[in-house]
Amino acid sequence: MSGHSVKDVVAASILSLALASCSTVIRNADASDQLVMSEERAALKAAAADLAWSPWPKPEEGLFAASQTGGEDGGARMTRERAVEIYLAALGGGRALSERIAADARRHLVAAAALADAAERASDSPSPKLSDVAILEASIADFRETRAIYLAALRKIDADDDAIDGIRGPLDAAVKKLSRAADDLAESAMKKRSSGYAGPEAAPVRTGAL
């Protein structure tokens, strides 16, 4: 074999090894990104499920129960007023009702903060999705109703203004924080989606690695 042929073989071997190494790195990076995305999405869904907890029946729960027992549609409809009545009945009597309502509200505030944090992590993840935004928006709508029921329950028991304001203020702030998180997540998802359509960014990464 001539010297020139040996050089060609060596050069080809080096190039093949470099390409194989580069491809392996990119594949590993993609797998890592997918893992991060899965973890962030799972955290977001879990936080949304925690925020969905309520100490009163949700409308769909009332409809399902009535359908199983043969109840009429009018009685099955779970209005906000009916939810408040059921909630207060479950709490029972006593002079500490406002404190017990406040304790339940604080549980929702903790869950709302956890959801906002999960949304921020999802926004910073490799590939945030608009479907994640839909999950967050649905949670915000449900949380707004939760806030309304807490305030209606306090008014129902004639709680003083300080007790009502002490719950309304933090709940309002939590709703605003979640709304901002939803906006940031939507913006991040749209940016990543647009950059994905642009496409040519992957080529420089492979060339530079060589």
C-alpha atoms as a PDB file:
ATOM      1  CA  MET A   1       0.000   0.000   0.000  1.00  0.00           C
ATOM      2  CA  SER A   2       1.449   3.411  -0.954  1.00  0.00           C
ATOM      3  CA  GLY A   3       2.107   6.162   1.579  1.00  0.00           C
ATOM      4  CA  HIS A   4      -0.584   8.250  -0.017  1.00  0.00           C
ATOM      5  CA  SER A   5      -3.122   5.422   0.423  1.00  0.00           C
ATOM      6  CA  VAL A   6      -2.175   4.989   4.078  1.00  0.00           C
ATOM      7  CA  LYS A   7      -2.730   8.700   4.694  1.00  0.00           C
ATOM      8  CA  ASP A   8      -6.133   8.468   3.030  1.00  0.00           C
ATOM      9  CA  VAL A   9      -7.124   5.516   5.197  1.00  0.00           C
ATOM     10  CA  VAL A  10      -5.946   7.226   8.396  1.00  0.00           C
ATOM     11  CA  ALA A  11      -7.749  10.456   7.521  1.00  0.00           C
ATOM     12  CA  ALA A  12     -10.961   8.580   6.749  1.00  0.00           C
ATOM     13  CA  SER A  13     -10.733   6.666  10.024  1.00  0.00           C
ATOM     14  CA  ILE A  14     -10.254   9.845  12.047  1.00  0.00           C
ATOM     15  CA  LEU A  15     -13.197  11.484  10.312  1.00  0.00           C
ATOM     16  CA  SER A  16     -15.430   8.459  10.951  1.00  0.00           C
ATOM     17  CA  LEU A  17     -14.504   8.374  14.630  1.00  0.00           C
ATOM     18  CA  ALA A  18     -15.160  12.103  14.974  1.00  0.00           C
ATOM     19  CA  LEU A  19     -18.562  11.816  13.333  1.00  0.00           C
ATOM     20  CA  ALA A  20     -19.508   8.834  15.483  1.00  0.00           C
ATOM     21  CA  SER A  21     -18.411  10.640  18.650  1.00  0.00           C
ATOM     22  CA  CYS A  22     -20.298  13.801  17.687  1.00  0.00           C
ATOM     23  CA  SER A  23     -23.476  11.861  16.894  1.00  0.00           C
ATOM     24  CA  THR A  24     -23.277  10.073  20.222  1.00  0.00           C
ATOM     25  CA  VAL A  25     -23.015  13.371  22.103  1.00  0.00           C
ATOM     26  CA  ILE A  26     -25.988  14.844  20.273  1.00  0.00           C
ATOM     27  CA  ARG A  27     -28.098  11.746  20.866  1.00  0.00           C
ATOM     28  CA  ASN A  28     -27.211  11.793  24.567  1.00  0.00           C
ATOM     29  CA  ALA A  29     -28.086  15.486  24.781  1.00  0.00           C
ATOM     30  CA  ASP A  30     -31.427  14.830  23.091  1.00  0.00           C
ATOM     31  CA  ALA A  31     -32.169  11.998  25.507  1.00  0.00           C
ATOM     32  CA  SER A  32     -31.267  14.229  28.455  1.00  0.00           C
ATOM     33  CA  ASP A  33     -33.543  16.991  27.147  1.00  0.00           C
ATOM     34  CA  GLN A  34     -36.396  14.524  26.754  1.00  0.00           C
ATOM     35  CA  LEU A  35     -35.907  13.361  30.344  1.00  0.00           C
ATOM     36  CA  VAL A  36     -35.959  16.930  31.647  1.00  0.00           C
ATOM     37  CA  MET A  37     -39.083  17.689  29.623  1.00  0.00           C
ATOM     38  CA  SER A  38     -40.835  14.578  30.971  1.00  0.00           C
ATOM     39  CA  GLU A  39     -39.920  15.422  34.544  1.00  0.00           C
ATOM     40  CA  GLU A  40     -41.044  19.048  34.230  1.00  0.00           C
ATOM     41  CA  ARG A  41     -44.325  18.048  32.595  1.00  0.00           C
ATOM     42  CA  ALA A  42     -45.005  15.418  35.260  1.00  0.00           C
ATOM     43  CA  ALA A  43     -44.298  17.990  37.989  1.00  0.00           C
ATOM     44  CA  LEU A  44     -46.661  20.473  36.348  1.00  0.00           C
ATOM     45  CA  LYS A  45     -49.473  17.917  36.138  1.00  0.00           C
ATOM     46  CA  ALA A  46     -48.930  16.793  39.734  1.00  0.00           C
ATOM     47  CA  ALA A  47     -49.007  20.392  40.991  1.00  0.00           C
ATOM     48  CA  ALA A  48     -52.187  21.066  39.001  1.00  0.00           C
ATOM     49  CA  ALA A  49     -53.796  17.987  40.542  1.00  0.00           C
ATOM     50  CA  ASP A  50     -52.892  19.209  44.040  1.00  0.00           C
ATOM     51  CA  LEU A  51     -54.462  22.599  43.358  1.00  0.00           C
ATOM     52  CA  ALA A  52     -57.634  20.895  42.089  1.00  0.00           C
ATOM     53  CA  TRP A  53     -58.348  19.550  45.596  1.00  0.00           C
ATOM     54  CA  SER A  54     -61.416  21.039  47.252  1.00  0.00           C
ATOM     55  CA  PRO A  55     -63.355  20.406  50.491  1.00  0.00           C
ATOM     56  CA  TRP A  56     -66.645  20.652  48.580  1.00  0.00           C
ATOM     57  CA  PRO A  57     -67.981  18.699  45.599  1.00  0.00           C
ATOM     58  CA  LYS A  58     -67.091  20.008  42.161  1.00  0.00           C
ATOM     59  CA  PRO A  59     -69.895  20.436  39.595  1.00  0.00           C
ATOM     60  CA  GLU A  60     -68.907  17.302  37.689  1.00  0.00           C
ATOM     61  CA  GLU A  61     -68.875  15.313  40.922  1.00  0.00           C
ATOM     62  CA  GLY A  62     -72.429  16.425  41.701  1.00  0.00           C
ATOM     63  CA  LEU A  63     -73.652  15.530  38.238  1.00  0.00           C
ATOM     64  CA  PHE A  64     -72.034  12.103  38.382  1.00  0.00           C
ATOM     65  CA  ALA A  65     -73.506  11.319  41.797  1.00  0.00           C
ATOM     66  CA  ALA A  66     -76.992  12.298  40.658  1.00  0.00           C
ATOM     67  CA  SER A  67     -76.723  10.227  37.496  1.00  0.00           C
ATOM     68  CA  GLN A  68     -75.832   7.180  39.561  1.00  0.00           C
ATOM     69  CA  THR A  69     -78.769   7.657  41.926  1.00  0.00           C
ATOM     70  CA  GLY A  70     -81.316   8.625  39.301  1.00  0.00           C
ATOM     71  CA  GLY A  71     -81.558  12.254  40.491  1.00  0.00           C
ATOM     72  CA  GLU A  72     -83.109  14.907  38.312  1.00  0.00           C
ATOM     73  CA  ASP A  73     -80.939  17.402  36.426  1.00  0.00           C
ATOM     74  CA  GLY A  74     -82.157  20.323  38.509  1.00  0.00           C
ATOM     75  CA  GLY A  75     -81.034  18.696  41.733  1.00  0.00           C
ATOM     76  CA  ALA A  76     -77.788  17.502  40.177  1.00  0.00           C
ATOM     77  CA  ARG A  77     -76.552  20.923  39.162  1.00  0.00           C
ATOM     78  CA  MET A  78     -73.790  21.944  41.549  1.00  0.00           C
ATOM     79  CA  THR A  79     -73.974  25.721  41.791  1.00  0.00           C
ATOM     80  CA  ARG A  80     -71.593  27.895  43.759  1.00  0.00           C
ATOM     81  CA  GLU A  81     -74.295  28.506  46.362  1.00  0.00           C
ATOM     82  CA  ARG A  82     -74.880  24.788  46.772  1.00  0.00           C
ATOM     83  CA  ALA A  83     -71.148  24.138  47.092  1.00  0.00           C
ATOM     84  CA  VAL A  84     -70.938  26.760  49.851  1.00  0.00           C
ATOM     85  CA  GLU A  85     -73.843  25.146  51.716  1.00  0.00           C
ATOM     86  CA  ILE A  86     -72.263  21.693  51.524  1.00  0.00           C
ATOM     87  CA  TYR A  87     -68.881  23.059  52.580  1.00  0.00           C
ATOM     88  CA  LEU A  88     -70.236  24.874  55.633  1.00  0.00           C
ATOM     89  CA  ALA A  89     -72.338  21.879  56.617  1.00  0.00           C
ATOM     90  CA  ALA A  90     -69.223  19.703  56.519  1.00  0.00           C
ATOM     91  CA  LEU A  91     -67.365  22.171  58.740  1.00  0.00           C
ATOM     92  CA  GLY A  92     -70.142  22.024  61.333  1.00  0.00           C
ATOM     93  CA  GLY A  93     -70.840  24.732  63.883  1.00  0.00           C
ATOM     94  CA  GLY A  94     -68.643  26.587  66.296  1.00  0.00           C
ATOM     95  CA  ARG A  95     -67.101  30.019  66.589  1.00  0.00           C
ATOM     96  CA  ALA A  96     -63.873  29.115  64.783  1.00  0.00           C
ATOM     97  CA  LEU A  97     -65.424  28.656  61.346  1.00  0.00           C
ATOM     98  CA  SER A  98     -63.519  31.535  59.781  1.00  0.00           C
ATOM     99  CA  GLU A  99     -60.209  30.124  61.053  1.00  0.00           C
ATOM    100  CA  ARG A 100     -61.033  26.708  59.604  1.00  0.00           C
ATOM    101  CA  ILE A 101     -61.940  28.254  56.280  1.00  0.00           C
ATOM    102  CA  ALA A 102     -58.680  30.207  56.371  1.00  0.00           C
ATOM    103  CA  ALA A 103     -56.763  26.971  57.014  1.00  0.00           C
ATOM    104  CA  ASP A 104     -58.311  25.351  53.932  1.00  0.00           C
ATOM    105  CA  ALA A 105     -57.539  28.474  51.907  1.00  0.00           C
ATOM    106  CA  ARG A 106     -53.906  28.335  53.014  1.00  0.00           C
ATOM    107  CA  ARG A 107     -53.714  24.776  51.709  1.00  0.00           C
ATOM    108  CA  HIS A 108     -54.783  26.077  48.316  1.00  0.00           C
ATOM    109  CA  LEU A 109     -52.274  28.923  48.535  1.00  0.00           C
ATOM    110  CA  VAL A 110     -49.443  26.450  49.112  1.00  0.00           C
ATOM    111  CA  ALA A 111     -50.631  24.376  46.152  1.00  0.00           C
ATOM    112  CA  ALA A 112     -50.905  27.490  43.969  1.00  0.00           C
ATOM    113  CA  ALA A 113     -47.332  28.502  44.830  1.00  0.00           C
ATOM    114  CA  ALA A 114     -46.104  25.010  43.952  1.00  0.00           C
ATOM    115  CA  LEU A 115     -47.926  25.153  40.614  1.00  0.00           C
ATOM    116  CA  ALA A 116     -46.415  28.551  39.804  1.00  0.00           C
ATOM    117  CA  ASP A 117     -42.941  27.157  40.533  1.00  0.00           C
ATOM    118  CA  ALA A 118     -43.632  24.122  38.339  1.00  0.00           C
ATOM    119  CA  ALA A 119     -44.794  26.422  35.545  1.00  0.00           C
ATOM    120  CA  GLU A 120     -41.584  28.449  35.788  1.00  0.00           C
ATOM    121  CA  ARG A 121     -39.496  25.288  35.539  1.00  0.00           C
ATOM    122  CA  ALA A 122     -41.545  24.119  32.556  1.00  0.00           C
ATOM    123  CA  SER A 123     -41.002  27.497  30.922  1.00  0.00           C
ATOM    124  CA  ASP A 124     -37.229  27.115  31.305  1.00  0.00           C
ATOM    125  CA  SER A 125     -37.235  23.493  30.100  1.00  0.00           C
ATOM    126  CA  PRO A 126     -35.752  22.517  26.701  1.00  0.00           C
ATOM    127  CA  SER A 127     -39.116  22.365  24.960  1.00  0.00           C
ATOM    128  CA  PRO A 128     -42.154  23.862  26.730  1.00  0.00           C
ATOM    129  CA  LYS A 129     -45.468  22.922  25.135  1.00  0.00           C
ATOM    130  CA  LEU A 130     -48.653  24.865  24.526  1.00  0.00           C
ATOM    131  CA  SER A 131     -50.477  21.854  25.985  1.00  0.00           C
ATOM    132  CA  ASP A 132     -48.722  22.708  29.283  1.00  0.00           C
ATOM    133  CA  VAL A 133     -50.201  26.187  29.028  1.00  0.00           C
ATOM    134  CA  ALA A 134     -53.666  24.650  28.612  1.00  0.00           C
ATOM    135  CA  ILE A 135     -53.179  22.668  31.834  1.00  0.00           C
ATOM    136  CA  LEU A 136     -52.171  25.824  33.658  1.00  0.00           C
ATOM    137  CA  GLU A 137     -55.044  27.897  32.278  1.00  0.00           C
ATOM    138  CA  ALA A 138     -57.573  25.260  33.352  1.00  0.00           C
ATOM    139  CA  SER A 139     -56.083  25.249  36.845  1.00  0.00           C
ATOM    140  CA  ILE A 140     -56.303  29.038  37.047  1.00  0.00           C
ATOM    141  CA  ALA A 141     -59.986  29.006  36.056  1.00  0.00           C
ATOM    142  CA  ASP A 142     -60.700  26.385  38.717  1.00  0.00           C
ATOM    143  CA  PHE A 143     -58.675  28.320  41.306  1.00  0.00           C
ATOM    144  CA  ARG A 144     -60.678  31.482  40.609  1.00  0.00           C
ATOM    145  CA  GLU A 145     -63.856  29.562  41.434  1.00  0.00           C
ATOM    146  CA  THR A 146     -62.212  28.174  44.565  1.00  0.00           C
ATOM    147  CA  ARG A 147     -61.411  31.737  45.636  1.00  0.00           C
ATOM    148  CA  ALA A 148     -65.033  32.780  45.035  1.00  0.00           C
ATOM    149  CA  ILE A 149     -66.364  29.925  47.157  1.00  0.00           C
ATOM    150  CA  TYR A 150     -64.069  30.726  50.075  1.00  0.00           C
ATOM    151  CA  LEU A 151     -65.153  34.364  50.060  1.00  0.00           C
ATOM    152  CA  ALA A 152     -68.820  33.429  49.689  1.00  0.00           C
ATOM    153  CA  ALA A 153     -68.508  31.030  52.632  1.00  0.00           C
ATOM    154  CA  LEU A 154     -66.992  33.742  54.807  1.00  0.00           C
ATOM    155  CA  ARG A 155     -69.782  36.144  53.924  1.00  0.00           C
ATOM    156  CA  LYS A 156     -72.344  33.433  54.626  1.00  0.00           C
ATOM    157  CA  ILE A 157     -71.129  33.109  58.212  1.00  0.00           C
ATOM    158  CA  ASP A 158     -70.902  36.901  58.590  1.00  0.00           C
ATOM    159  CA  ALA A 159     -67.145  36.908  59.030  1.00  0.00           C
ATOM    160  CA  ASP A 160     -65.654  40.322  59.762  1.00  0.00           C
ATOM    161  CA  ASP A 161     -63.897  42.385  57.112  1.00  0.00           C
ATOM    162  CA  ASP A 162     -60.447  41.618  58.460  1.00  0.00           C
ATOM    163  CA  ALA A 163     -61.036  37.869  58.143  1.00  0.00           C
ATOM    164  CA  ILE A 164     -62.308  38.264  54.581  1.00  0.00           C
ATOM    165  CA  ASP A 165     -59.476  40.589  53.531  1.00  0.00           C
ATOM    166  CA  GLY A 166     -56.938  38.278  55.148  1.00  0.00           C
ATOM    167  CA  ILE A 167     -57.968  35.534  52.717  1.00  0.00           C
ATOM    168  CA  ARG A 168     -58.913  37.606  49.685  1.00  0.00           C
ATOM    169  CA  GLY A 169     -55.557  39.410  49.460  1.00  0.00           C
ATOM    170  CA  PRO A 170     -53.324  36.298  49.296  1.00  0.00           C
ATOM    171  CA  LEU A 171     -55.770  34.503  46.982  1.00  0.00           C
ATOM    172  CA  ASP A 172     -55.821  37.461  44.578  1.00  0.00           C
ATOM    173  CA  ALA A 173     -52.024  37.595  44.617  1.00  0.00           C
ATOM    174  CA  ALA A 174     -51.807  33.857  43.931  1.00  0.00           C
ATOM    175  CA  VAL A 175     -54.161  34.144  40.943  1.00  0.00           C
ATOM    176  CA  LYS A 176     -52.058  36.989  39.509  1.00  0.00           C
ATOM    177  CA  LYS A 177     -48.834  35.027  39.994  1.00  0.00           C
ATOM    178  CA  LEU A 178     -50.277  32.006  38.210  1.00  0.00           C
ATOM    179  CA  SER A 179     -51.540  34.208  35.379  1.00  0.00           C
ATOM    180  CA  ARG A 180     -48.069  35.703  34.910  1.00  0.00           C
ATOM    181  CA  ALA A 181     -46.568  32.224  34.957  1.00  0.00           C
ATOM    182  CA  ALA A 182     -49.044  31.129  32.275  1.00  0.00           C
ATOM    183  CA  ASP A 183     -48.110  34.126  30.111  1.00  0.00           C
ATOM    184  CA  ASP A 184     -44.397  33.382  30.498  1.00  0.00           C
ATOM    185  CA  LEU A 185     -44.926  29.705  29.697  1.00  0.00           C
ATOM    186  CA  ALA A 186     -46.957  30.551  26.591  1.00  0.00           C
ATOM    187  CA  GLU A 187     -44.319  33.007  25.404  1.00  0.00           C
ATOM    188  CA  SER A 188     -41.536  30.488  25.965  1.00  0.00           C
ATOM    189  CA  ALA A 189     -43.473  27.747  24.142  1.00  0.00           C
ATOM    190  CA  MET A 190     -44.092  30.000  21.167  1.00  0.00           C
ATOM    191  CA  LYS A 191     -40.431  31.044  20.990  1.00  0.00           C
ATOM    192  CA  LYS A 192     -39.218  27.445  21.098  1.00  0.00           C
ATOM    193  CA  ARG A 193     -41.810  26.499  18.519  1.00  0.00           C
ATOM    194  CA  SER A 194     -40.662  29.287  16.182  1.00  0.00           C
ATOM    195  CA  SER A 195     -36.994  28.398  16.604  1.00  0.00           C
ATOM    196  CA  GLY A 196     -37.848  24.792  15.845  1.00  0.00           C
ATOM    197  CA  TYR A 197     -39.403  25.813  12.543  1.00  0.00           C
ATOM    198  CA  ALA A 198     -36.289  27.850  11.675  1.00  0.00           C
ATOM    199  CA  GLY A 199     -34.296  24.659  11.749  1.00  0.00           C
ATOM    200  CA  PRO A 200     -30.676  25.372  10.712  1.00  0.00           C
ATOM    201  CA  GLU A 201     -29.320  25.733  14.264  1.00  0.00           C
ATOM    202  CA  ALA A 202     -28.435  22.038  14.526  1.00  0.00           C
ATOM    203  CA  ALA A 203     -25.884  22.137  11.680  1.00  0.00           C
ATOM    204  CA  PRO A 204     -23.442  24.585  13.332  1.00  0.00           C
ATOM    205  CA  VAL A 205     -23.506  22.506  16.524  1.00  0.00           C
ATOM    206  CA  ARG A 206     -22.399  19.385  14.658  1.00  0.00           C
ATOM    207  CA  THR A 207     -19.731  21.243  12.641  1.00  0.00           C
ATOM    208  CA  GLY A 208     -18.332  23.072  15.672  1.00  0.00           C
ATOM    209  CA  ALA A 209     -17.994  19.824  17.615  1.00  0.00           C
ATOM    210  CA  LEU A 210     -15.729  18.516  14.915  1.00  0.00           C
END
